[in-house]
PDB file of N, CA and C in Angstrom:
ATOM      1  N   UNK A   1      -1.905  -4.579  -9.425  1.00  0.00           N
ATOM      2  CA  UNK A   1      -0.865  -3.968  -8.627  1.00  0.00           C
ATOM      3  C   UNK A   1      -0.556  -2.573  -9.156  1.00  0.00           C
ATOM      4  N   UNK A   2      -0.635  -2.373 -10.460  1.00  0.00           N
ATOM      5  CA  UNK A   2      -0.418  -1.043 -11.004  1.00  0.00           C
ATOM      6  C   UNK A   2       1.029  -0.714 -11.314  1.00  0.00           C
ATOM      7  N   UNK A   3       1.897  -1.702 -11.361  1.00  0.00           N
ATOM      8  CA  UNK A   3       3.304  -1.456 -11.653  1.00  0.00           C
ATOM      9  C   UNK A   3       3.670  -2.077 -12.985  1.00  0.00           C
ATOM     10  N   UNK A   4       4.662  -1.492 -13.660  1.00  0.00           N
ATOM     11  CA  UNK A   4       5.132  -2.048 -14.920  1.00  0.00           C
ATOM     12  C   UNK A   4       5.931  -3.323 -14.656  1.00  0.00           C
ATOM     13  N   UNK A   5       6.161  -4.086 -15.705  1.00  0.00           N
ATOM     14  CA  UNK A   5       6.947  -5.314 -15.563  1.00  0.00           C
ATOM     15  C   UNK A   5       8.353  -5.013 -15.050  1.00  0.00           C
ATOM     16  N   UNK A   6       8.946  -3.915 -15.521  1.00  0.00           N
ATOM     17  CA  UNK A   6      10.291  -3.526 -15.053  1.00  0.00           C
ATOM     18  C   UNK A   6      10.281  -3.218 -13.561  1.00  0.00           C
ATOM     19  N   UNK A   7       9.261  -2.506 -13.105  1.00  0.00           N
ATOM     20  CA  UNK A   7       9.169  -2.175 -11.679  1.00  0.00           C
ATOM     21  C   UNK A   7       8.993  -3.426 -10.832  1.00  0.00           C
ATOM     22  N   UNK A   8       8.208  -4.374 -11.311  1.00  0.00           N
ATOM     23  CA  UNK A   8       7.997  -5.618 -10.575  1.00  0.00           C
ATOM     24  C   UNK A   8       9.307  -6.400 -10.502  1.00  0.00           C
ATOM     25  N   UNK A   9      10.032  -6.469 -11.625  1.00  0.00           N
ATOM     26  CA  UNK A   9      11.343  -7.137 -11.621  1.00  0.00           C
ATOM     27  C   UNK A   9      12.312  -6.450 -10.661  1.00  0.00           C
ATOM     28  N   UNK A  10      12.332  -5.114 -10.664  1.00  0.00           N
ATOM     29  CA  UNK A  10      13.198  -4.365  -9.748  1.00  0.00           C
ATOM     30  C   UNK A  10      12.850  -4.657  -8.295  1.00  0.00           C
ATOM     31  N   UNK A  11      11.565  -4.715  -8.004  1.00  0.00           N
ATOM     32  CA  UNK A  11      11.129  -5.011  -6.638  1.00  0.00           C
ATOM     33  C   UNK A  11      11.579  -6.411  -6.237  1.00  0.00           C
ATOM     34  N   UNK A  12      11.395  -7.372  -7.129  1.00  0.00           N
ATOM     35  CA  UNK A  12      11.810  -8.747  -6.847  1.00  0.00           C
ATOM     36  C   UNK A  12      13.313  -8.814  -6.582  1.00  0.00           C
ATOM     37  N   UNK A  13      14.094  -8.125  -7.394  1.00  0.00           N
ATOM     38  CA  UNK A  13      15.550  -8.112  -7.204  1.00  0.00           C
ATOM     39  C   UNK A  13      15.931  -7.424  -5.902  1.00  0.00           C
ATOM     40  N   UNK A  14      15.286  -6.329  -5.585  1.00  0.00           N
ATOM     41  CA  UNK A  14      15.569  -5.605  -4.341  1.00  0.00           C
ATOM     42  C   UNK A  14      15.296  -6.494  -3.132  1.00  0.00           C
ATOM     43  N   UNK A  15      14.158  -7.179  -3.148  1.00  0.00           N
ATOM     44  CA  UNK A  15      13.827  -8.070  -2.042  1.00  0.00           C
ATOM     45  C   UNK A  15      14.827  -9.224  -1.982  1.00  0.00           C
ATOM     46  N   UNK A  16      15.170  -9.783  -3.145  1.00  0.00           N
ATOM     47  CA  UNK A  16      16.116 -10.903  -3.196  1.00  0.00           C
ATOM     48  C   UNK A  16      17.474 -10.515  -2.594  1.00  0.00           C
ATOM     49  N   UNK A  17      17.914  -9.289  -2.837  1.00  0.00           N
ATOM     50  CA  UNK A  17      19.216  -8.819  -2.342  1.00  0.00           C
ATOM     51  C   UNK A  17      19.180  -8.381  -0.873  1.00  0.00           C
ATOM     52  N   UNK A  18      17.998  -8.262  -0.314  1.00  0.00           N
ATOM     53  CA  UNK A  18      17.865  -7.787   1.064  1.00  0.00           C
ATOM     54  C   UNK A  18      18.303  -8.853   2.058  1.00  0.00           C
ATOM     55  N   UNK A  19      19.112  -8.422   3.005  1.00  0.00           N
ATOM     56  CA  UNK A  19      19.533  -9.302   4.101  1.00  0.00           C
ATOM     57  C   UNK A  19      18.543  -9.069   5.247  1.00  0.00           C
ATOM     58  N   UNK A  20      17.542  -9.931   5.307  1.00  0.00           N
ATOM     59  CA  UNK A  20      16.491  -9.730   6.310  1.00  0.00           C
ATOM     60  C   UNK A  20      16.031 -11.071   6.855  1.00  0.00           C
ATOM     61  N   UNK A  21      15.365 -11.011   7.998  1.00  0.00           N
ATOM     62  CA  UNK A  21      14.814 -12.217   8.606  1.00  0.00           C
ATOM     63  C   UNK A  21      13.455 -12.574   8.017  1.00  0.00           C
ATOM     64  N   UNK A  22      12.714 -11.563   7.619  1.00  0.00           N
ATOM     65  CA  UNK A  22      11.374 -11.779   7.076  1.00  0.00           C
ATOM     66  C   UNK A  22      11.000 -10.582   6.199  1.00  0.00           C
ATOM     67  N   UNK A  23      10.187 -10.839   5.186  1.00  0.00           N
ATOM     68  CA  UNK A  23       9.644  -9.791   4.328  1.00  0.00           C
ATOM     69  C   UNK A  23       8.191  -9.585   4.740  1.00  0.00           C
ATOM     70  N   UNK A  24       7.857  -8.362   5.109  1.00  0.00           N
ATOM     71  CA  UNK A  24       6.485  -8.034   5.486  1.00  0.00           C
ATOM     72  C   UNK A  24       5.778  -7.521   4.233  1.00  0.00           C
ATOM     73  N   UNK A  25       4.743  -8.224   3.839  1.00  0.00           N
ATOM     74  CA  UNK A  25       3.965  -7.829   2.668  1.00  0.00           C
ATOM     75  C   UNK A  25       2.756  -7.044   3.171  1.00  0.00           C
ATOM     76  N   UNK A  26       2.770  -5.749   2.878  1.00  0.00           N
ATOM     77  CA  UNK A  26       1.696  -4.874   3.360  1.00  0.00           C
ATOM     78  C   UNK A  26       1.022  -4.161   2.195  1.00  0.00           C
ATOM     79  N   UNK A  27       0.979  -4.840   1.057  1.00  0.00           N
ATOM     80  CA  UNK A  27       0.317  -4.294  -0.117  1.00  0.00           C
ATOM     81  C   UNK A  27      -1.065  -4.921  -0.243  1.00  0.00           C
ATOM     82  N   UNK A  28      -1.980  -4.253  -0.934  1.00  0.00           N
ATOM     83  CA  UNK A  28      -3.312  -4.843  -1.110  1.00  0.00           C
ATOM     84  C   UNK A  28      -3.270  -6.201  -1.807  1.00  0.00           C
ATOM     85  N   UNK A  29      -2.334  -6.362  -2.750  1.00  0.00           N
ATOM     86  CA  UNK A  29      -2.187  -7.643  -3.425  1.00  0.00           C
ATOM     87  C   UNK A  29      -1.124  -8.472  -2.714  1.00  0.00           C
ATOM     88  N   UNK A  30      -1.218  -9.776  -2.821  1.00  0.00           N
ATOM     89  CA  UNK A  30      -0.226 -10.645  -2.197  1.00  0.00           C
ATOM     90  C   UNK A  30       0.953 -10.782  -3.149  1.00  0.00           C
ATOM     91  N   UNK A  31       2.060 -10.140  -2.822  1.00  0.00           N
ATOM     92  CA  UNK A  31       3.231 -10.141  -3.692  1.00  0.00           C
ATOM     93  C   UNK A  31       3.737 -11.544  -3.996  1.00  0.00           C
ATOM     94  N   UNK A  32       3.472 -12.491  -3.112  1.00  0.00           N
ATOM     95  CA  UNK A  32       3.945 -13.861  -3.329  1.00  0.00           C
ATOM     96  C   UNK A  32       3.320 -14.476  -4.575  1.00  0.00           C
ATOM     97  N   UNK A  33       2.224 -13.920  -5.025  1.00  0.00           N
ATOM     98  CA  UNK A  33       1.584 -14.416  -6.252  1.00  0.00           C
ATOM     99  C   UNK A  33       2.168 -13.751  -7.492  1.00  0.00           C
ATOM    100  N   UNK A  34       2.914 -12.671  -7.300  1.00  0.00           N
ATOM    101  CA  UNK A  34       3.444 -11.893  -8.428  1.00  0.00           C
ATOM    102  C   UNK A  34       4.940 -12.100  -8.638  1.00  0.00           C
ATOM    103  N   UNK A  35       5.675 -12.287  -7.532  1.00  0.00           N
ATOM    104  CA  UNK A  35       7.132 -12.406  -7.623  1.00  0.00           C
ATOM    105  C   UNK A  35       7.617 -13.547  -6.743  1.00  0.00           C
ATOM    106  N   UNK A  36       8.843 -14.001  -7.024  1.00  0.00           N
ATOM    107  CA  UNK A  36       9.450 -15.057  -6.221  1.00  0.00           C
ATOM    108  C   UNK A  36      10.172 -14.402  -5.045  1.00  0.00           C
ATOM    109  N   UNK A  37       9.829 -14.823  -3.841  1.00  0.00           N
ATOM    110  CA  UNK A  37      10.470 -14.299  -2.631  1.00  0.00           C
ATOM    111  C   UNK A  37      11.069 -15.492  -1.897  1.00  0.00           C
ATOM    112  N   UNK A  38      12.397 -15.494  -1.780  1.00  0.00           N
ATOM    113  CA  UNK A  38      13.092 -16.610  -1.130  1.00  0.00           C
ATOM    114  C   UNK A  38      13.036 -16.540   0.396  1.00  0.00           C
ATOM    115  N   UNK A  39      12.970 -15.339   0.931  1.00  0.00           N
ATOM    116  CA  UNK A  39      12.941 -15.157   2.375  1.00  0.00           C
ATOM    117  C   UNK A  39      11.565 -15.537   2.926  1.00  0.00           C
ATOM    118  N   UNK A  40      11.507 -15.819   4.232  1.00  0.00           N
ATOM    119  CA  UNK A  40      10.196 -16.021   4.858  1.00  0.00           C
ATOM    120  C   UNK A  40       9.356 -14.747   4.717  1.00  0.00           C
ATOM    121  N   UNK A  41       8.062 -14.923   4.586  1.00  0.00           N
ATOM    122  CA  UNK A  41       7.172 -13.766   4.432  1.00  0.00           C
ATOM    123  C   UNK A  41       6.029 -13.831   5.430  1.00  0.00           C
ATOM    124  N   UNK A  42       5.494 -12.656   5.701  1.00  0.00           N
ATOM    125  CA  UNK A  42       4.281 -12.546   6.500  1.00  0.00           C
ATOM    126  C   UNK A  42       3.418 -11.485   5.828  1.00  0.00           C
ATOM    127  N   UNK A  43       2.132 -11.745   5.736  1.00  0.00           N
ATOM    128  CA  UNK A  43       1.201 -10.801   5.114  1.00  0.00           C
ATOM    129  C   UNK A  43       0.536  -9.971   6.206  1.00  0.00           C
ATOM    130  N   UNK A  44       0.756  -8.666   6.145  1.00  0.00           N
ATOM    131  CA  UNK A  44       0.128  -7.761   7.106  1.00  0.00           C
ATOM    132  C   UNK A  44      -1.308  -7.501   6.661  1.00  0.00           C
ATOM    133  N   UNK A  45      -2.215  -7.574   7.591  1.00  0.00           N
ATOM    134  CA  UNK A  45      -3.618  -7.274   7.320  1.00  0.00           C
ATOM    135  C   UNK A  45      -3.988  -6.032   8.127  1.00  0.00           C
ATOM    136  N   UNK A  46      -4.571  -5.080   7.463  1.00  0.00           N
ATOM    137  CA  UNK A  46      -4.912  -3.842   8.146  1.00  0.00           C
ATOM    138  C   UNK A  46      -6.198  -3.282   7.557  1.00  0.00           C
ATOM    139  N   UNK A  47      -6.799  -2.409   8.299  1.00  0.00           N
ATOM    140  CA  UNK A  47      -8.012  -1.741   7.866  1.00  0.00           C
ATOM    141  C   UNK A  47      -8.017  -0.374   8.535  1.00  0.00           C
ATOM    142  N   UNK A  48      -8.596   0.581   7.892  1.00  0.00           N
ATOM    143  CA  UNK A  48      -8.702   1.895   8.516  1.00  0.00           C
ATOM    144  C   UNK A  48      -9.981   2.564   8.037  1.00  0.00           C
ATOM    145  N   UNK A  49     -10.442   3.464   8.850  1.00  0.00           N
ATOM    146  CA  UNK A  49     -11.609   4.244   8.497  1.00  0.00           C
ATOM    147  C   UNK A  49     -11.243   5.714   8.612  1.00  0.00           C
ATOM    148  N   UNK A  50     -11.739   6.475   7.690  1.00  0.00           N
ATOM    149  CA  UNK A  50     -11.527   7.917   7.725  1.00  0.00           C
ATOM    150  C   UNK A  50     -12.896   8.564   7.875  1.00  0.00           C
ATOM    151  N   UNK A  51     -13.043   9.356   8.905  1.00  0.00           N
ATOM    152  CA  UNK A  51     -14.293  10.068   9.119  1.00  0.00           C
ATOM    153  C   UNK A  51     -14.203  11.407   8.389  1.00  0.00           C
ATOM    154  N   UNK A  52     -14.825  11.474   7.229  1.00  0.00           N
ATOM    155  CA  UNK A  52     -14.780  12.695   6.424  1.00  0.00           C
ATOM    156  C   UNK A  52     -15.860  13.695   6.820  1.00  0.00           C
ATOM    157  N   UNK A  53     -16.709  13.320   7.765  1.00  0.00           N
ATOM    158  CA  UNK A  53     -17.812  14.184   8.135  1.00  0.00           C
ATOM    159  C   UNK A  53     -17.364  15.595   8.544  1.00  0.00           C
ATOM    160  N   UNK A  54     -16.380  15.741   9.444  1.00  0.00           N
ATOM    161  CA  UNK A  54     -15.976  17.110   9.804  1.00  0.00           C
ATOM    162  C   UNK A  54     -15.455  17.894   8.599  1.00  0.00           C
ATOM    163  N   UNK A  55     -14.736  17.219   7.707  1.00  0.00           N
ATOM    164  CA  UNK A  55     -14.195  17.889   6.530  1.00  0.00           C
ATOM    165  C   UNK A  55     -15.319  18.311   5.589  1.00  0.00           C
ATOM    166  N   UNK A  56     -16.265  17.443   5.361  1.00  0.00           N
ATOM    167  CA  UNK A  56     -17.398  17.763   4.486  1.00  0.00           C
ATOM    168  C   UNK A  56     -18.181  18.941   5.072  1.00  0.00           C
ATOM    169  N   UNK A  57     -18.429  18.899   6.358  1.00  0.00           N
ATOM    170  CA  UNK A  57     -19.154  20.001   7.001  1.00  0.00           C
ATOM    171  C   UNK A  57     -18.383  21.313   6.869  1.00  0.00           C
ATOM    172  N   UNK A  58     -17.055  21.261   6.982  1.00  0.00           N
ATOM    173  CA  UNK A  58     -16.224  22.459   6.860  1.00  0.00           C
ATOM    174  C   UNK A  58     -16.364  23.038   5.453  1.00  0.00           C
ATOM    175  N   UNK A  59     -16.294  22.173   4.414  1.00  0.00           N
ATOM    176  CA  UNK A  59     -16.444  22.650   3.041  1.00  0.00           C
ATOM    177  C   UNK A  59     -17.823  23.244   2.808  1.00  0.00           C
ATOM    178  N   UNK A  60     -18.849  22.606   3.326  1.00  0.00           N
ATOM    179  CA  UNK A  60     -20.210  23.131   3.165  1.00  0.00           C
ATOM    180  C   UNK A  60     -20.328  24.485   3.836  1.00  0.00           C
ATOM    181  N   UNK A  61     -19.767  24.600   5.028  1.00  0.00           N
ATOM    182  CA  UNK A  61     -19.791  25.863   5.764  1.00  0.00           C
ATOM    183  C   UNK A  61     -19.061  26.962   4.983  1.00  0.00           C
ATOM    184  N   UNK A  62     -17.895  26.628   4.438  1.00  0.00           N
ATOM    185  CA  UNK A  62     -17.115  27.622   3.677  1.00  0.00           C
ATOM    186  C   UNK A  62     -17.860  28.020   2.405  1.00  0.00           C
ATOM    187  N   UNK A  63     -18.487  27.072   1.735  1.00  0.00           N
ATOM    188  CA  UNK A  63     -19.231  27.368   0.516  1.00  0.00           C
ATOM    189  C   UNK A  63     -20.389  28.308   0.823  1.00  0.00           C
ATOM    190  N   UNK A  64     -21.058  28.105   1.944  1.00  0.00           N
ATOM    191  CA  UNK A  64     -22.187  28.962   2.316  1.00  0.00           C
ATOM    192  C   UNK A  64     -21.720  30.402   2.509  1.00  0.00           C
ATOM    193  N   UNK A  65     -20.505  30.577   3.028  1.00  0.00           N
ATOM    194  CA  UNK A  65     -19.997  31.922   3.267  1.00  0.00           C
ATOM    195  C   UNK A  65     -19.560  32.615   1.966  1.00  0.00           C
ATOM    196  N   UNK A  66     -19.196  31.824   0.947  1.00  0.00           N
ATOM    197  CA  UNK A  66     -18.731  32.415  -0.308  1.00  0.00           C
ATOM    198  C   UNK A  66     -19.837  32.557  -1.340  1.00  0.00           C
ATOM    199  N   UNK A  67     -21.016  32.044  -1.059  1.00  0.00           N
ATOM    200  CA  UNK A  67     -22.122  32.113  -2.043  1.00  0.00           C
ATOM    201  C   UNK A  67     -22.714  33.496  -2.107  1.00  0.00           C
TER     202      UNK A  67
END
């Protein structure tokens, strides 16, 4: 997860104090395995693609002009 123990405890407390109908877990790791969550939870699944081709071509083009 990449967080310190204090940060994880703070997150758990923040979620515990939240007045909500459901906690949406949208992190790469499943928070339910790391902290206790009393509220109902749902795990969001997402995927994205970034097409870096135009950016790479732009950098190559700019480099050619500065060489």
